Protein backbone atom coordinates (compact mmCIF):
# COMPACT_ATOMS: atom_id res chain seq x y z
CA MET A 1 123.50 94.15 117.70
CA LYS A 2 121.13 95.95 115.32
CA ASN A 3 121.27 93.10 112.81
CA ASN A 4 120.53 90.52 115.49
CA LEU A 5 117.50 92.48 116.70
CA LEU A 6 116.13 92.69 113.15
CA LYS A 7 116.48 88.91 112.84
CA ASN A 8 114.83 88.16 116.17
CA LYS A 9 111.62 86.28 115.33
CA LEU A 10 109.42 88.06 117.88
CA ILE A 11 110.59 91.53 116.80
CA VAL A 12 110.32 90.62 113.10
CA THR A 13 106.80 89.27 113.64
CA LEU A 14 105.65 92.36 115.54
CA LEU A 15 107.12 94.75 112.95
CA ALA A 16 105.69 92.76 110.02
CA LEU A 17 102.27 92.71 111.69
CA LEU A 18 102.52 96.47 112.25
CA CYS A 19 103.15 96.96 108.52
CA THR A 20 100.28 94.74 107.44
CA ALA A 21 97.96 96.35 110.00
CA LEU A 22 98.79 99.79 108.60
CA TRP A 23 98.23 98.58 105.03
CA GLY A 24 94.98 96.97 106.17
CA THR A 25 93.67 100.26 107.55
CA ALA A 26 94.44 101.87 104.19
CA PHE A 27 91.48 100.09 102.55
CA ALA A 28 88.91 102.01 104.59
CA ALA A 29 90.91 105.25 104.36
CA ILE A 30 91.19 105.01 100.57
CA LYS A 31 87.44 104.44 100.21
CA GLN A 32 86.82 107.46 102.42
CA GLY A 33 89.37 109.42 100.41
CA TYR A 34 87.54 108.71 97.15
CA LYS A 35 84.37 110.17 98.67
CA ILE A 36 86.11 113.24 100.04
CA PHE A 37 87.91 113.94 96.75
CA SER A 38 84.74 113.06 94.76
CA ILE A 39 86.47 110.34 92.72
CA SER A 40 83.95 108.07 90.99
CA ASN A 41 84.35 104.28 90.81
CA ASN A 42 85.33 104.34 87.13
CA ASP A 43 87.66 107.34 87.26
CA ILE A 44 90.90 105.32 87.09
CA PRO A 45 93.15 108.27 86.06
CA SER A 46 92.13 110.26 89.15
CA MET A 47 92.67 107.17 91.31
CA LEU A 48 96.21 106.94 89.93
CA VAL A 49 96.83 110.61 90.76
CA PHE A 50 95.39 110.03 94.24
CA ALA A 51 97.69 107.04 94.81
CA GLY A 52 100.64 108.86 93.28
CA VAL A 53 100.31 111.88 95.57
CA ARG A 54 100.02 109.53 98.55
CA PHE A 55 103.23 107.65 97.71
CA PHE A 56 105.16 110.73 96.57
CA ILE A 57 104.48 112.49 99.89
CA ALA A 58 105.32 109.25 101.74
CA GLY A 59 108.69 109.15 99.99
CA ILE A 60 109.42 112.74 101.00
CA ILE A 61 108.46 111.96 104.62
CA VAL A 62 110.79 108.94 104.71
CA TYR A 63 113.64 110.97 103.18
CA ILE A 64 113.27 113.81 105.71
CA ALA A 65 113.12 111.29 108.57
CA LEU A 66 116.26 109.61 107.20
CA ILE A 67 118.18 112.91 107.12
CA ILE A 68 117.14 113.64 110.71
CA MET A 69 118.13 110.17 111.92
CA ARG A 70 121.44 109.92 110.03
CA ARG A 71 122.26 113.66 110.25
CA LYS A 72 123.45 113.85 106.64
CA ILE A 73 122.10 114.44 103.15
CA PHE A 74 121.69 111.32 100.99
CA VAL A 75 122.40 111.65 97.26
CA PRO A 76 122.23 108.41 95.23
CA LYS A 77 124.96 107.49 92.80
CA LEU A 78 123.84 106.94 89.22
CA ASN A 79 123.81 103.14 89.48
CA GLU A 80 121.93 103.35 92.80
CA LEU A 81 119.38 105.75 91.31
CA VAL A 82 118.75 103.41 88.38
CA LYS A 83 118.22 100.44 90.69
CA MET A 84 115.98 102.32 93.14
CA SER A 85 113.99 103.86 90.30
CA SER A 86 113.49 100.39 88.80
CA LEU A 87 112.15 99.26 92.17
CA GLY A 88 109.78 102.27 92.26
CA ILE A 89 108.51 101.42 88.78
CA MET A 90 107.99 97.76 89.72
CA GLN A 91 106.76 97.87 93.33
CA THR A 92 104.76 101.09 93.29
CA ALA A 93 103.90 102.33 89.79
CA LEU A 94 103.23 99.14 87.80
CA GLN A 95 101.72 97.28 90.74
CA TYR A 96 99.05 99.93 91.25
CA ILE A 97 98.46 100.66 87.56
CA PHE A 98 97.74 96.97 86.96
CA LEU A 99 95.58 96.81 90.10
CA TYR A 100 93.36 99.79 89.28
CA ILE A 101 92.81 98.64 85.69
CA ALA A 102 91.99 95.13 86.92
CA LEU A 103 89.38 96.45 89.37
CA ILE A 104 87.31 97.65 86.40
CA PHE A 105 86.76 94.02 85.41
CA VAL A 106 86.84 92.05 88.69
CA THR A 107 85.29 92.21 92.16
CA GLY A 108 87.02 93.50 95.27
CA THR A 109 86.72 89.99 96.72
CA LYS A 110 88.78 88.50 93.92
CA SER A 111 91.32 91.27 94.34
CA SER A 112 91.65 90.43 98.04
CA ILE A 113 92.16 86.73 97.26
CA TYR A 114 94.76 87.50 94.59
CA THR A 115 96.58 89.84 96.96
CA SER A 116 96.96 87.05 99.49
CA PHE A 117 98.19 84.78 96.69
CA SER A 118 101.27 87.03 96.43
CA ALA A 119 102.53 85.25 99.57
CA PHE A 120 102.82 82.10 97.46
CA LEU A 121 104.69 84.02 94.78
CA GLY A 122 107.19 85.22 97.37
CA VAL A 123 107.83 81.66 98.56
CA LEU A 124 108.15 80.30 95.01
CA LEU A 125 110.26 83.10 93.49
CA ALA A 126 112.70 83.82 96.34
CA PRO A 127 114.76 80.60 95.85
CA LEU A 128 115.44 81.65 92.24
CA PHE A 129 117.30 84.73 93.51
CA PHE A 130 118.64 83.69 96.93
CA LYS A 131 120.33 80.33 97.52
CA GLY A 132 119.68 80.37 101.25
CA ASP A 133 115.94 81.02 100.83
CA LYS A 134 114.68 77.53 100.02
CA ILE A 135 111.21 76.17 99.30
CA THR A 136 110.15 73.84 102.10
CA ALA A 137 107.05 71.76 102.75
CA LYS A 138 106.34 73.81 105.88
CA LYS A 139 106.37 77.08 103.94
CA LEU A 140 103.99 75.73 101.30
CA ILE A 141 101.65 74.15 103.84
CA GLY A 142 101.63 77.36 105.89
CA CYS A 143 100.74 79.39 102.79
CA VAL A 144 97.93 76.99 101.89
CA ILE A 145 96.47 77.18 105.42
CA GLY A 146 96.62 80.98 105.40
CA PHE A 147 95.25 81.18 101.86
CA CYS A 148 92.26 79.05 102.90
CA GLY A 149 91.58 81.60 105.62
CA ILE A 150 91.49 84.44 103.07
CA ILE A 151 89.13 82.53 100.79
CA LEU A 152 86.86 81.73 103.73
CA ILE A 153 86.63 85.31 105.00
CA ASN A 154 85.72 86.51 101.49
CA LEU A 155 83.38 83.81 100.17
CA GLY A 156 82.06 82.70 103.56
CA ASN A 157 80.55 86.15 104.18
CA GLY A 158 78.50 85.99 101.00
CA ASN A 159 80.85 88.03 98.81
CA SER A 160 80.98 87.36 95.08
CA ILE A 161 84.18 86.27 93.38
CA GLY A 162 82.84 87.16 89.92
CA GLU A 163 83.44 85.56 86.52
CA PHE A 164 86.83 84.97 84.96
CA SER A 165 88.13 87.94 82.99
CA ILE A 166 91.26 87.70 80.86
CA ILE A 167 92.12 91.36 81.36
CA GLY A 168 90.92 91.58 84.97
CA ASP A 169 92.45 88.34 86.24
CA GLY A 170 95.53 88.80 84.08
CA PHE A 171 96.22 92.29 85.41
CA LEU A 172 95.53 91.20 88.99
CA PHE A 173 98.14 88.49 88.60
CA LEU A 174 100.62 90.97 87.09
CA SER A 175 99.95 93.41 89.94
CA ASN A 176 100.77 90.80 92.56
CA LEU A 177 103.73 89.53 90.55
CA CYS A 178 105.12 93.08 90.58
CA GLY A 179 104.65 93.19 94.35
CA ALA A 180 106.41 89.85 94.86
CA LEU A 181 109.29 90.77 92.54
CA GLY A 182 109.47 94.17 94.25
CA ASN A 183 110.19 92.45 97.57
CA ILE A 184 113.02 90.52 95.93
CA PHE A 185 114.46 93.62 94.23
CA ALA A 186 114.22 95.57 97.51
CA LYS A 187 116.28 92.93 99.33
CA LYS A 188 118.91 92.86 96.58
CA ILE A 189 119.22 96.64 96.35
CA SER A 190 119.27 97.07 100.14
CA LYS A 191 122.24 94.74 100.41
CA ASN A 192 124.64 97.58 99.57
CA SER A 193 122.39 100.59 100.31
CA ASP A 194 120.53 102.01 103.28
CA PRO A 195 117.11 100.28 103.19
CA ILE A 196 115.31 103.41 104.38
CA PHE A 197 116.93 105.45 101.59
CA VAL A 198 115.85 102.73 99.14
CA SER A 199 112.29 103.00 100.42
CA ALA A 200 112.26 106.81 100.20
CA THR A 201 113.56 106.84 96.63
CA GLN A 202 111.31 104.11 95.28
CA LEU A 203 108.20 105.68 96.83
CA THR A 204 109.03 109.11 95.41
CA VAL A 205 109.83 107.78 91.92
CA GLY A 206 106.88 105.37 91.86
CA GLY A 207 104.51 108.03 93.16
CA GLY A 208 105.73 110.53 90.59
CA ILE A 209 105.12 108.06 87.75
CA LEU A 210 101.59 107.38 89.00
CA ILE A 211 100.85 111.11 89.14
CA LEU A 212 102.13 111.69 85.60
CA THR A 213 100.29 108.64 84.24
CA GLY A 214 97.02 109.79 85.79
CA ILE A 215 97.43 113.38 84.57
CA ILE A 216 98.21 112.22 81.01
CA PHE A 217 94.82 110.48 80.96
CA SER A 218 93.03 113.56 82.40
CA GLY A 219 93.05 112.48 86.03
CA ARG A 220 93.10 115.07 88.81
CA ILE A 221 92.36 115.62 92.49
CA ILE A 222 91.48 118.90 94.20
CA PHE A 223 92.29 119.74 97.83
CA ASN A 224 89.21 121.80 98.64
CA SER A 225 88.66 120.95 102.32
CA VAL A 226 90.50 120.18 105.53
CA ASP A 227 89.32 116.55 105.26
CA CYS A 228 91.25 116.21 101.99
CA PHE A 229 94.51 117.13 103.71
CA ILE A 230 93.75 114.89 106.72
CA VAL A 231 93.03 111.71 104.74
CA MET A 232 95.99 112.26 102.41
CA ALA A 233 98.32 112.95 105.34
CA TYR A 234 97.16 109.75 107.06
CA LEU A 235 97.62 107.61 103.95
CA ALA A 236 101.05 109.11 103.28
CA LEU A 237 102.10 108.56 106.88
CA ILE A 238 101.10 104.89 107.02
CA SER A 239 102.76 104.28 103.64
CA SER A 240 106.01 105.93 104.75
CA VAL A 241 106.17 103.98 108.02
CA SER A 242 105.12 100.60 106.60
CA PHE A 243 107.30 100.65 103.47
CA ALA A 244 110.37 101.85 105.39
CA ILE A 245 110.02 99.11 108.03
CA TRP A 246 109.16 96.48 105.39
CA THR A 247 112.28 97.26 103.35
CA VAL A 248 114.46 97.01 106.47
CA LEU A 249 112.89 93.63 107.33
CA LEU A 250 113.54 92.35 103.82
CA LYS A 251 117.22 93.29 104.08
CA TYR A 252 117.85 91.16 107.16
CA ASN A 253 115.40 88.25 106.64
CA ASP A 254 114.33 85.73 104.00
CA VAL A 255 111.93 87.16 101.43
CA SER A 256 109.73 84.05 101.63
CA ILE A 257 109.31 84.50 105.40
CA ILE A 258 108.48 88.22 105.28
CA SER A 259 106.19 87.82 102.23
CA THR A 260 103.90 85.39 104.06
CA PHE A 261 102.84 88.16 106.44
CA THR A 262 100.97 89.79 103.52
CA LEU A 263 98.28 87.20 104.25
CA MET A 264 97.30 89.42 107.17
CA ILE A 265 96.52 92.47 105.02
CA PRO A 266 93.00 91.33 103.96
CA ILE A 267 92.31 90.27 107.54
CA PHE A 268 93.25 93.67 108.96
CA GLY A 269 91.34 95.28 106.07
CA THR A 270 88.18 93.39 106.97
CA ILE A 271 88.52 94.21 110.67
CA THR A 272 89.17 97.91 110.03
CA SER A 273 86.35 98.25 107.51
CA GLY A 274 83.99 96.49 109.90
CA ILE A 275 84.88 98.89 112.73
CA PHE A 276 84.42 102.04 110.63
CA LEU A 277 81.21 100.73 109.04
CA ASN A 278 79.84 99.50 112.39
CA GLU A 279 79.52 95.95 111.10
CA ASN A 280 79.69 92.79 113.20
CA ILE A 281 83.11 91.43 112.33
CA PHE A 282 83.29 88.91 115.18
CA THR A 283 81.42 86.16 113.36
CA ILE A 284 82.32 82.48 113.40
CA ILE A 285 83.55 82.66 109.82
CA ASN A 286 85.77 85.69 110.46
CA THR A 287 87.17 84.13 113.62
CA ILE A 288 88.04 80.86 111.85
CA SER A 289 89.58 82.82 108.97
CA ILE A 290 91.81 84.85 111.29
CA LEU A 291 92.87 81.67 113.11
CA LEU A 292 93.75 79.94 109.83
CA VAL A 293 95.90 82.85 108.69
CA ALA A 294 97.61 83.05 112.09
CA ILE A 295 98.24 79.29 112.13
CA GLY A 296 99.67 79.44 108.62
CA ILE A 297 102.14 82.22 109.53
CA ILE A 298 103.13 80.51 112.81
CA PHE A 299 103.57 77.22 110.94
CA ILE A 300 106.02 78.83 108.53
CA ASN A 301 108.02 80.61 111.22
CA ILE A 302 108.32 77.55 113.47
CA LYS A 303 110.36 75.87 110.76
CA ASN A 304 112.58 78.94 110.45
CA ASN A 305 113.29 78.95 114.19
CA GLN A 306 114.32 75.31 114.14
CA ARG A 307 116.67 75.95 111.24
CA GLN A 308 118.48 78.67 113.14
């Protein structure tokens, strides 16, 4: 019964949208967090510590919630710990290390476009690891339609994509490759393990590595006000909820299908930032962009419904 519910297209869509909406709100919260913690734009080590604390706390939250729900203590076996730690290194630590270094050399607009490109990577890489997850014309067309929406919402609003940078563009690609591979690893590992436990472990390990990496390069954050605790608690909470749900969705559904919902992250990010900054987000360009992304995702899932 549980498995069938987690494969139901409406439920999967709503849960995936919830995850991407939460991740989208993180953009504005992170920017606010940098101001509250007095982290400058070029202080990458402190940004890594900031991200690490966020994910480490999120992992602890997920683990405590898991114990309460399952009413037992979870202790990973050695082989499980190695696999989950590898996922934490790939999906959390390396992904964000590459991203923050890349942002020194490229614009936020380019980062947003690259992030949406990870949906393509999910569609292209999944068939190499899962025989039942095939590349189809509908999946590719849906990704292209959605990707056009992301480009439009970024460049159509007058944002700059910036010049090509070997380090910046290279690290952005590696960051999104880590994210796409992380989805694949999460599905494989969750096959024989509780997906929520997988999420808790990888967040804790990945967050810990980010904290240590930042500290090694003289990064630090100081909790010197109530606002510091509030913004960190919010970021940790949305990370714990979204990653836990996302890992469960990956266990019971095709990676290529779930990955395409990442196209919504920049859309939700734009909407959330516009609300908090009191900007007019309901422009013709934004509306068309949102419609393109929605059409792309619907296009992909229509094919999946017919198949089943």
